[in-house]
Amino acid sequence: MLPEEIKKLIEAGLRDATVTIAGEDGRHFSAIVVSPVFTGKSRIEKQQLVYATLGNRIANGTIHAISIKAYTPEEWHQHNQEP
C-alpha cells in the first residue's frame, strides 16, 4: 500500500483532517493527523478514530504497522511552538 492511499483513506474518514504519512516499505507507516474532530478526546480515542478509517487493512495485513500521532489544531500549534 502506498502512503498516499492511506492519506486518502484517513482524510475521507475524518473531516477537515490534515494528514502526513511516511513509510517506504509498503507495510510500515507513521501518520501525523491533525483534526478538530479530536477535540476533547483522549490519546487512545484519537488513535481509534484514525484506525477506524483504515477499515480491515490492519487486520488483513495490508498495513502491517502504523504509528499514529493525532492532534487537535490547537495541540499541533503548541507542539510546533515548543523548542
PDB file of N, CA and C in Angstrom:
ATOM      1  N   MET A   1       0.845  -1.173   0.000  1.00  0.00           N
ATOM      2  CA  MET A   1       0.000   0.000   0.000  1.00  0.00           C
ATOM      3  C   MET A   1       0.891   1.237   0.000  1.00  0.00           C
ATOM      4  N   LEU A   2       0.476   2.245  -0.710  1.00  0.00           N
ATOM      5  CA  LEU A   2       1.249   3.482  -0.799  1.00  0.00           C
ATOM      6  C   LEU A   2       0.817   4.477   0.278  1.00  0.00           C
ATOM      7  N   PRO A   3       1.750   5.284   0.761  1.00  0.00           N
ATOM      8  CA  PRO A   3       1.401   6.298   1.763  1.00  0.00           C
ATOM      9  C   PRO A   3       0.246   7.189   1.311  1.00  0.00           C
ATOM     10  N   GLU A   4       0.209   7.532   0.035  1.00  0.00           N
ATOM     11  CA  GLU A   4      -0.856   8.404  -0.486  1.00  0.00           C
ATOM     12  C   GLU A   4      -2.227   7.744  -0.356  1.00  0.00           C
ATOM     13  N   GLU A   5      -2.290   6.435  -0.494  1.00  0.00           N
ATOM     14  CA  GLU A   5      -3.562   5.720  -0.338  1.00  0.00           C
ATOM     15  C   GLU A   5      -4.059   5.803   1.105  1.00  0.00           C
ATOM     16  N   ILE A   6      -3.151   5.644   2.044  1.00  0.00           N
ATOM     17  CA  ILE A   6      -3.512   5.743   3.463  1.00  0.00           C
ATOM     18  C   ILE A   6      -3.967   7.157   3.778  1.00  0.00           C
ATOM     19  N   LYS A   7      -3.255   8.130   3.265  1.00  0.00           N
ATOM     20  CA  LYS A   7      -3.623   9.539   3.460  1.00  0.00           C
ATOM     21  C   LYS A   7      -5.048   9.787   2.990  1.00  0.00           C
ATOM     22  N   LYS A   8      -5.392   9.301   1.818  1.00  0.00           N
ATOM     23  CA  LYS A   8      -6.744   9.499   1.276  1.00  0.00           C
ATOM     24  C   LYS A   8      -7.804   8.817   2.131  1.00  0.00           C
ATOM     25  N   LEU A   9      -7.518   7.629   2.638  1.00  0.00           N
ATOM     26  CA  LEU A   9      -8.468   6.922   3.496  1.00  0.00           C
ATOM     27  C   LEU A   9      -8.747   7.708   4.777  1.00  0.00           C
ATOM     28  N   ILE A  10      -7.686   8.207   5.390  1.00  0.00           N
ATOM     29  CA  ILE A  10      -7.849   8.950   6.638  1.00  0.00           C
ATOM     30  C   ILE A  10      -8.582  10.262   6.385  1.00  0.00           C
ATOM     31  N   GLU A  11      -8.203  10.968   5.336  1.00  0.00           N
ATOM     32  CA  GLU A  11      -8.863  12.241   5.016  1.00  0.00           C
ATOM     33  C   GLU A  11     -10.345  12.029   4.690  1.00  0.00           C
ATOM     34  N   ALA A  12     -10.670  10.926   4.039  1.00  0.00           N
ATOM     35  CA  ALA A  12     -12.070  10.641   3.716  1.00  0.00           C
ATOM     36  C   ALA A  12     -12.880  10.325   4.973  1.00  0.00           C
ATOM     37  N   GLY A  13     -12.230   9.745   5.977  1.00  0.00           N
ATOM     38  CA  GLY A  13     -12.927   9.340   7.182  1.00  0.00           C
ATOM     39  C   GLY A  13     -12.979  10.375   8.284  1.00  0.00           C
ATOM     40  N   LEU A  14     -12.100  11.370   8.232  1.00  0.00           N
ATOM     41  CA  LEU A  14     -12.049  12.398   9.276  1.00  0.00           C
ATOM     42  C   LEU A  14     -12.175  13.772   8.632  1.00  0.00           C
ATOM     43  N   ARG A  15     -13.246  14.451   8.977  1.00  0.00           N
ATOM     44  CA  ARG A  15     -13.484  15.758   8.353  1.00  0.00           C
ATOM     45  C   ARG A  15     -12.392  16.759   8.728  1.00  0.00           C
ATOM     46  N   ASP A  16     -12.056  17.578   7.789  1.00  0.00           N
ATOM     47  CA  ASP A  16     -11.087  18.662   7.996  1.00  0.00           C
ATOM     48  C   ASP A  16      -9.740  18.186   8.525  1.00  0.00           C
ATOM     49  N   ALA A  17      -9.364  16.970   8.200  1.00  0.00           N
ATOM     50  CA  ALA A  17      -8.079  16.437   8.675  1.00  0.00           C
ATOM     51  C   ALA A  17      -6.947  16.854   7.750  1.00  0.00           C
ATOM     52  N   THR A  18      -5.819  17.160   8.362  1.00  0.00           N
ATOM     53  CA  THR A  18      -4.571  17.348   7.638  1.00  0.00           C
ATOM     54  C   THR A  18      -3.729  16.131   7.986  1.00  0.00           C
ATOM     55  N   VAL A  19      -3.279  15.409   6.961  1.00  0.00           N
ATOM     56  CA  VAL A  19      -2.634  14.118   7.179  1.00  0.00           C
ATOM     57  C   VAL A  19      -1.272  14.077   6.497  1.00  0.00           C
ATOM     58  N   THR A  20      -0.279  13.594   7.224  1.00  0.00           N
ATOM     59  CA  THR A  20       1.048  13.340   6.669  1.00  0.00           C
ATOM     60  C   THR A  20       1.382  11.883   6.962  1.00  0.00           C
ATOM     61  N   ILE A  21       1.747  11.146   5.920  1.00  0.00           N
ATOM     62  CA  ILE A  21       2.082   9.733   6.059  1.00  0.00           C
ATOM     63  C   ILE A  21       3.508   9.509   5.580  1.00  0.00           C
ATOM     64  N   ALA A  22       4.261   8.745   6.346  1.00  0.00           N
ATOM     65  CA  ALA A  22       5.608   8.339   5.945  1.00  0.00           C
ATOM     66  C   ALA A  22       5.669   6.819   5.980  1.00  0.00           C
ATOM     67  N   GLY A  23       6.490   6.273   5.110  1.00  0.00           N
ATOM     68  CA  GLY A  23       6.680   4.821   5.066  1.00  0.00           C
ATOM     69  C   GLY A  23       7.067   4.414   3.666  1.00  0.00           C
ATOM     70  N   GLU A  24       8.158   3.720   3.551  1.00  0.00           N
ATOM     71  CA  GLU A  24       8.677   3.414   2.223  1.00  0.00           C
ATOM     72  C   GLU A  24       8.643   1.944   1.863  1.00  0.00           C
ATOM     73  N   ASP A  25       8.325   1.063   2.846  1.00  0.00           N
ATOM     74  CA  ASP A  25       8.358  -0.360   2.523  1.00  0.00           C
ATOM     75  C   ASP A  25       6.990  -0.925   2.144  1.00  0.00           C
ATOM     76  N   GLY A  26       5.949  -0.069   2.179  1.00  0.00           N
ATOM     77  CA  GLY A  26       4.624  -0.509   1.786  1.00  0.00           C
ATOM     78  C   GLY A  26       3.851  -1.247   2.864  1.00  0.00           C
ATOM     79  N   ARG A  27       4.428  -1.421   4.053  1.00  0.00           N
ATOM     80  CA  ARG A  27       3.743  -2.152   5.128  1.00  0.00           C
ATOM     81  C   ARG A  27       3.846  -1.478   6.485  1.00  0.00           C
ATOM     82  N   HIS A  28       4.878  -0.682   6.689  1.00  0.00           N
ATOM     83  CA  HIS A  28       5.100   0.002   7.966  1.00  0.00           C
ATOM     84  C   HIS A  28       5.012   1.507   7.719  1.00  0.00           C
ATOM     85  N   PHE A  29       4.152   2.173   8.488  1.00  0.00           N
ATOM     86  CA  PHE A  29       3.896   3.587   8.235  1.00  0.00           C
ATOM     87  C   PHE A  29       3.871   4.371   9.534  1.00  0.00           C
ATOM     88  N   SER A  30       4.047   5.678   9.399  1.00  0.00           N
ATOM     89  CA  SER A  30       3.806   6.589  10.513  1.00  0.00           C
ATOM     90  C   SER A  30       2.882   7.683   9.991  1.00  0.00           C
ATOM     91  N   ALA A  31       1.979   8.115  10.860  1.00  0.00           N
ATOM     92  CA  ALA A  31       0.993   9.117  10.465  1.00  0.00           C
ATOM     93  C   ALA A  31       0.960  10.250  11.475  1.00  0.00           C
ATOM     94  N   ILE A  32       0.855  11.450  10.959  1.00  0.00           N
ATOM     95  CA  ILE A  32       0.547  12.621  11.770  1.00  0.00           C
ATOM     96  C   ILE A  32      -0.788  13.118  11.249  1.00  0.00           C
ATOM     97  N   VAL A  33      -1.763  13.176  12.155  1.00  0.00           N
ATOM     98  CA  VAL A  33      -3.115  13.566  11.762  1.00  0.00           C
ATOM     99  C   VAL A  33      -3.557  14.721  12.653  1.00  0.00           C
ATOM    100  N   VAL A  34      -3.976  15.808  12.024  1.00  0.00           N
ATOM    101  CA  VAL A  34      -4.453  16.982  12.749  1.00  0.00           C
ATOM    102  C   VAL A  34      -5.904  17.213  12.330  1.00  0.00           C
ATOM    103  N   SER A  35      -6.814  17.228  13.319  1.00  0.00           N
ATOM    104  CA  SER A  35      -8.221  17.422  13.001  1.00  0.00           C
ATOM    105  C   SER A  35      -8.972  17.975  14.203  1.00  0.00           C
ATOM    106  N   PRO A  36      -9.931  18.866  13.954  1.00  0.00           N
ATOM    107  CA  PRO A  36     -10.745  19.370  15.056  1.00  0.00           C
ATOM    108  C   PRO A  36     -11.650  18.288  15.659  1.00  0.00           C
ATOM    109  N   VAL A  37     -11.864  17.204  14.953  1.00  0.00           N
ATOM    110  CA  VAL A  37     -12.691  16.120  15.472  1.00  0.00           C
ATOM    111  C   VAL A  37     -12.069  15.487  16.729  1.00  0.00           C
ATOM    112  N   PHE A  38     -10.789  15.696  16.948  1.00  0.00           N
ATOM    113  CA  PHE A  38     -10.101  15.142  18.114  1.00  0.00           C
ATOM    114  C   PHE A  38     -10.332  15.947  19.394  1.00  0.00           C
ATOM    115  N   THR A  39     -10.956  17.096  19.294  1.00  0.00           N
ATOM    116  CA  THR A  39     -11.167  17.950  20.457  1.00  0.00           C
ATOM    117  C   THR A  39     -11.923  17.192  21.544  1.00  0.00           C
ATOM    118  N   GLY A  40     -11.365  17.203  22.755  1.00  0.00           N
ATOM    119  CA  GLY A  40     -11.982  16.551  23.890  1.00  0.00           C
ATOM    120  C   GLY A  40     -11.750  15.052  23.965  1.00  0.00           C
ATOM    121  N   LYS A  41     -10.982  14.501  23.047  1.00  0.00           N
ATOM    122  CA  LYS A  41     -10.716  13.061  23.005  1.00  0.00           C
ATOM    123  C   LYS A  41      -9.373  12.747  23.670  1.00  0.00           C
ATOM    124  N   SER A  42      -9.295  11.557  24.271  1.00  0.00           N
ATOM    125  CA  SER A  42      -8.022  11.089  24.829  1.00  0.00           C
ATOM    126  C   SER A  42      -7.107  10.636  23.688  1.00  0.00           C
ATOM    127  N   ARG A  43      -5.863  10.404  24.018  1.00  0.00           N
ATOM    128  CA  ARG A  43      -4.903   9.926  23.014  1.00  0.00           C
ATOM    129  C   ARG A  43      -5.389   8.619  22.385  1.00  0.00           C
ATOM    130  N   ILE A  44      -5.905   7.718  23.209  1.00  0.00           N
ATOM    131  CA  ILE A  44      -6.398   6.426  22.712  1.00  0.00           C
ATOM    132  C   ILE A  44      -7.606   6.625  21.802  1.00  0.00           C
ATOM    133  N   GLU A  45      -8.534   7.485  22.210  1.00  0.00           N
ATOM    134  CA  GLU A  45      -9.725   7.740  21.387  1.00  0.00           C
ATOM    135  C   GLU A  45      -9.348   8.334  20.033  1.00  0.00           C
ATOM    136  N   LYS A  46      -8.351   9.213  20.031  1.00  0.00           N
ATOM    137  CA  LYS A  46      -7.883   9.804  18.772  1.00  0.00           C
ATOM    138  C   LYS A  46      -7.342   8.712  17.851  1.00  0.00           C
ATOM    139  N   GLN A  47      -6.507   7.829  18.412  1.00  0.00           N
ATOM    140  CA  GLN A  47      -5.930   6.748  17.607  1.00  0.00           C
ATOM    141  C   GLN A  47      -7.014   5.803  17.094  1.00  0.00           C
ATOM    142  N   GLN A  48      -8.017   5.525  17.924  1.00  0.00           N
ATOM    143  CA  GLN A  48      -9.105   4.652  17.495  1.00  0.00           C
ATOM    144  C   GLN A  48      -9.866   5.255  16.326  1.00  0.00           C
ATOM    145  N   LEU A  49     -10.060   6.567  16.352  1.00  0.00           N
ATOM    146  CA  LEU A  49     -10.732   7.224  15.238  1.00  0.00           C
ATOM    147  C   LEU A  49      -9.933   7.075  13.944  1.00  0.00           C
ATOM    148  N   VAL A  50      -8.624   7.206  14.049  1.00  0.00           N
ATOM    149  CA  VAL A  50      -7.776   7.052  12.860  1.00  0.00           C
ATOM    150  C   VAL A  50      -7.791   5.601  12.377  1.00  0.00           C
ATOM    151  N   TYR A  51      -7.634   4.651  13.295  1.00  0.00           N
ATOM    152  CA  TYR A  51      -7.674   3.235  12.918  1.00  0.00           C
ATOM    153  C   TYR A  51      -8.975   2.891  12.204  1.00  0.00           C
ATOM    154  N   ALA A  52     -10.088   3.459  12.665  1.00  0.00           N
ATOM    155  CA  ALA A  52     -11.390   3.161  12.066  1.00  0.00           C
ATOM    156  C   ALA A  52     -11.440   3.552  10.586  1.00  0.00           C
ATOM    157  N   THR A  53     -10.699   4.568  10.196  1.00  0.00           N
ATOM    158  CA  THR A  53     -10.708   5.000   8.793  1.00  0.00           C
ATOM    159  C   THR A  53      -9.985   4.002   7.883  1.00  0.00           C
ATOM    160  N   LEU A  54      -9.179   3.132   8.478  1.00  0.00           N
ATOM    161  CA  LEU A  54      -8.383   2.196   7.686  1.00  0.00           C
ATOM    162  C   LEU A  54      -9.104   0.867   7.447  1.00  0.00           C
ATOM    163  N   GLY A  55     -10.291   0.733   8.029  1.00  0.00           N
ATOM    164  CA  GLY A  55     -11.078  -0.481   7.821  1.00  0.00           C
ATOM    165  C   GLY A  55     -10.333  -1.716   8.271  1.00  0.00           C
ATOM    166  N   ASN A  56     -10.410  -2.770   7.478  1.00  0.00           N
ATOM    167  CA  ASN A  56      -9.786  -4.047   7.846  1.00  0.00           C
ATOM    168  C   ASN A  56      -8.354  -4.186   7.325  1.00  0.00           C
ATOM    169  N   ARG A  57      -7.775  -3.119   6.847  1.00  0.00           N
ATOM    170  CA  ARG A  57      -6.438  -3.202   6.235  1.00  0.00           C
ATOM    171  C   ARG A  57      -5.335  -3.585   7.229  1.00  0.00           C
ATOM    172  N   ILE A  58      -5.546  -3.316   8.503  1.00  0.00           N
ATOM    173  CA  ILE A  58      -4.575  -3.743   9.510  1.00  0.00           C
ATOM    174  C   ILE A  58      -4.812  -5.214   9.837  1.00  0.00           C
ATOM    175  N   ALA A  59      -6.079  -5.582  10.044  1.00  0.00           N
ATOM    176  CA  ALA A  59      -6.417  -6.970  10.380  1.00  0.00           C
ATOM    177  C   ALA A  59      -6.011  -7.951   9.280  1.00  0.00           C
ATOM    178  N   ASN A  60      -6.144  -7.539   8.022  1.00  0.00           N
ATOM    179  CA  ASN A  60      -5.808  -8.472   6.929  1.00  0.00           C
ATOM    180  C   ASN A  60      -4.345  -8.391   6.497  1.00  0.00           C
ATOM    181  N   GLY A  61      -3.552  -7.517   7.159  1.00  0.00           N
ATOM    182  CA  GLY A  61      -2.125  -7.461   6.879  1.00  0.00           C
ATOM    183  C   GLY A  61      -1.702  -6.529   5.766  1.00  0.00           C
ATOM    184  N   THR A  62      -2.657  -5.852   5.114  1.00  0.00           N
ATOM    185  CA  THR A  62      -2.290  -4.887   4.074  1.00  0.00           C
ATOM    186  C   THR A  62      -1.376  -3.818   4.661  1.00  0.00           C
ATOM    187  N   ILE A  63      -1.735  -3.369   5.858  1.00  0.00           N
ATOM    188  CA  ILE A  63      -0.883  -2.461   6.630  1.00  0.00           C
ATOM    189  C   ILE A  63      -0.397  -3.268   7.831  1.00  0.00           C
ATOM    190  N   HIS A  64       0.881  -3.532   7.873  1.00  0.00           N
ATOM    191  CA  HIS A  64       1.423  -4.335   8.968  1.00  0.00           C
ATOM    192  C   HIS A  64       1.483  -3.537  10.263  1.00  0.00           C
ATOM    193  N   ALA A  65       1.904  -2.282  10.180  1.00  0.00           N
ATOM    194  CA  ALA A  65       2.033  -1.446  11.371  1.00  0.00           C
ATOM    195  C   ALA A  65       1.916   0.015  10.989  1.00  0.00           C
ATOM    196  N   ILE A  66       1.265   0.770  11.874  1.00  0.00           N
ATOM    197  CA  ILE A  66       1.188   2.214  11.674  1.00  0.00           C
ATOM    198  C   ILE A  66       1.302   2.902  13.029  1.00  0.00           C
ATOM    199  N   SER A  67       2.200   3.848  13.109  1.00  0.00           N
ATOM    200  CA  SER A  67       2.386   4.671  14.299  1.00  0.00           C
ATOM    201  C   SER A  67       1.588   5.953  14.072  1.00  0.00           C
ATOM    202  N   ILE A  68       0.726   6.291  15.023  1.00  0.00           N
ATOM    203  CA  ILE A  68      -0.167   7.434  14.837  1.00  0.00           C
ATOM    204  C   ILE A  68       0.104   8.493  15.893  1.00  0.00           C
ATOM    205  N   LYS A  69       0.287   9.716  15.422  1.00  0.00           N
ATOM    206  CA  LYS A  69       0.323  10.887  16.299  1.00  0.00           C
ATOM    207  C   LYS A  69      -0.848  11.759  15.856  1.00  0.00           C
ATOM    208  N   ALA A  70      -1.815  11.926  16.753  1.00  0.00           N
ATOM    209  CA  ALA A  70      -3.034  12.654  16.425  1.00  0.00           C
ATOM    210  C   ALA A  70      -3.155  13.890  17.313  1.00  0.00           C
ATOM    211  N   TYR A  71      -3.469  15.016  16.684  1.00  0.00           N
ATOM    212  CA  TYR A  71      -3.524  16.296  17.391  1.00  0.00           C
ATOM    213  C   TYR A  71      -4.768  17.078  16.982  1.00  0.00           C
ATOM    214  N   THR A  72      -5.266  17.885  17.904  1.00  0.00           N
ATOM    215  CA  THR A  72      -6.219  18.922  17.523  1.00  0.00           C
ATOM    216  C   THR A  72      -5.395  20.035  16.864  1.00  0.00           C
ATOM    217  N   PRO A  73      -6.031  20.947  16.141  1.00  0.00           N
ATOM    218  CA  PRO A  73      -5.254  22.064  15.576  1.00  0.00           C
ATOM    219  C   PRO A  73      -4.516  22.865  16.653  1.00  0.00           C
ATOM    220  N   GLU A  74      -5.149  23.049  17.806  1.00  0.00           N
ATOM    221  CA  GLU A  74      -4.509  23.799  18.897  1.00  0.00           C
ATOM    222  C   GLU A  74      -3.283  23.057  19.429  1.00  0.00           C
ATOM    223  N   GLU A  75      -3.427  21.737  19.619  1.00  0.00           N
ATOM    224  CA  GLU A  75      -2.295  20.932  20.091  1.00  0.00           C
ATOM    225  C   GLU A  75      -1.152  20.962  19.090  1.00  0.00           C
ATOM    226  N   TRP A  76      -1.481  20.886  17.810  1.00  0.00           N
ATOM    227  CA  TRP A  76      -0.462  20.912  16.762  1.00  0.00           C
ATOM    228  C   TRP A  76       0.275  22.241  16.779  1.00  0.00           C
ATOM    229  N   HIS A  77      -0.473  23.318  16.953  1.00  0.00           N
ATOM    230  CA  HIS A  77       0.146  24.650  17.010  1.00  0.00           C
ATOM    231  C   HIS A  77       1.107  24.726  18.204  1.00  0.00           C
ATOM    232  N   GLN A  78       0.665  24.241  19.373  1.00  0.00           N
ATOM    233  CA  GLN A  78       1.517  24.250  20.563  1.00  0.00           C
ATOM    234  C   GLN A  78       2.739  23.354  20.364  1.00  0.00           C
ATOM    235  N   HIS A  79       2.531  22.201  19.777  1.00  0.00           N
ATOM    236  CA  HIS A  79       3.629  21.250  19.535  1.00  0.00           C
ATOM    237  C   HIS A  79       4.716  21.881  18.670  1.00  0.00           C
ATOM    238  N   ASN A  80       4.299  22.670  17.706  1.00  0.00           N
ATOM    239  CA  ASN A  80       5.265  23.283  16.793  1.00  0.00           C
ATOM    240  C   ASN A  80       5.859  24.578  17.318  1.00  0.00           C
ATOM    241  N   GLN A  81       5.353  25.066  18.438  1.00  0.00           N
ATOM    242  CA  GLN A  81       5.916  26.267  19.041  1.00  0.00           C
ATOM    243  C   GLN A  81       6.990  25.949  20.068  1.00  0.00           C
ATOM    244  N   GLU A  82       7.015  24.687  20.525  1.00  0.00           N
ATOM    245  CA  GLU A  82       7.990  24.308  21.533  1.00  0.00           C
ATOM    246  C   GLU A  82       9.382  24.168  20.917  1.00  0.00           C
ATOM    247  N   PRO A  83      10.422  24.573  21.666  1.00  0.00           N
ATOM    248  CA  PRO A  83      11.782  24.500  21.107  1.00  0.00           C
ATOM    249  C   PRO A  83      12.260  23.065  20.953  1.00  0.00           C
TER     250      PRO A  83
END
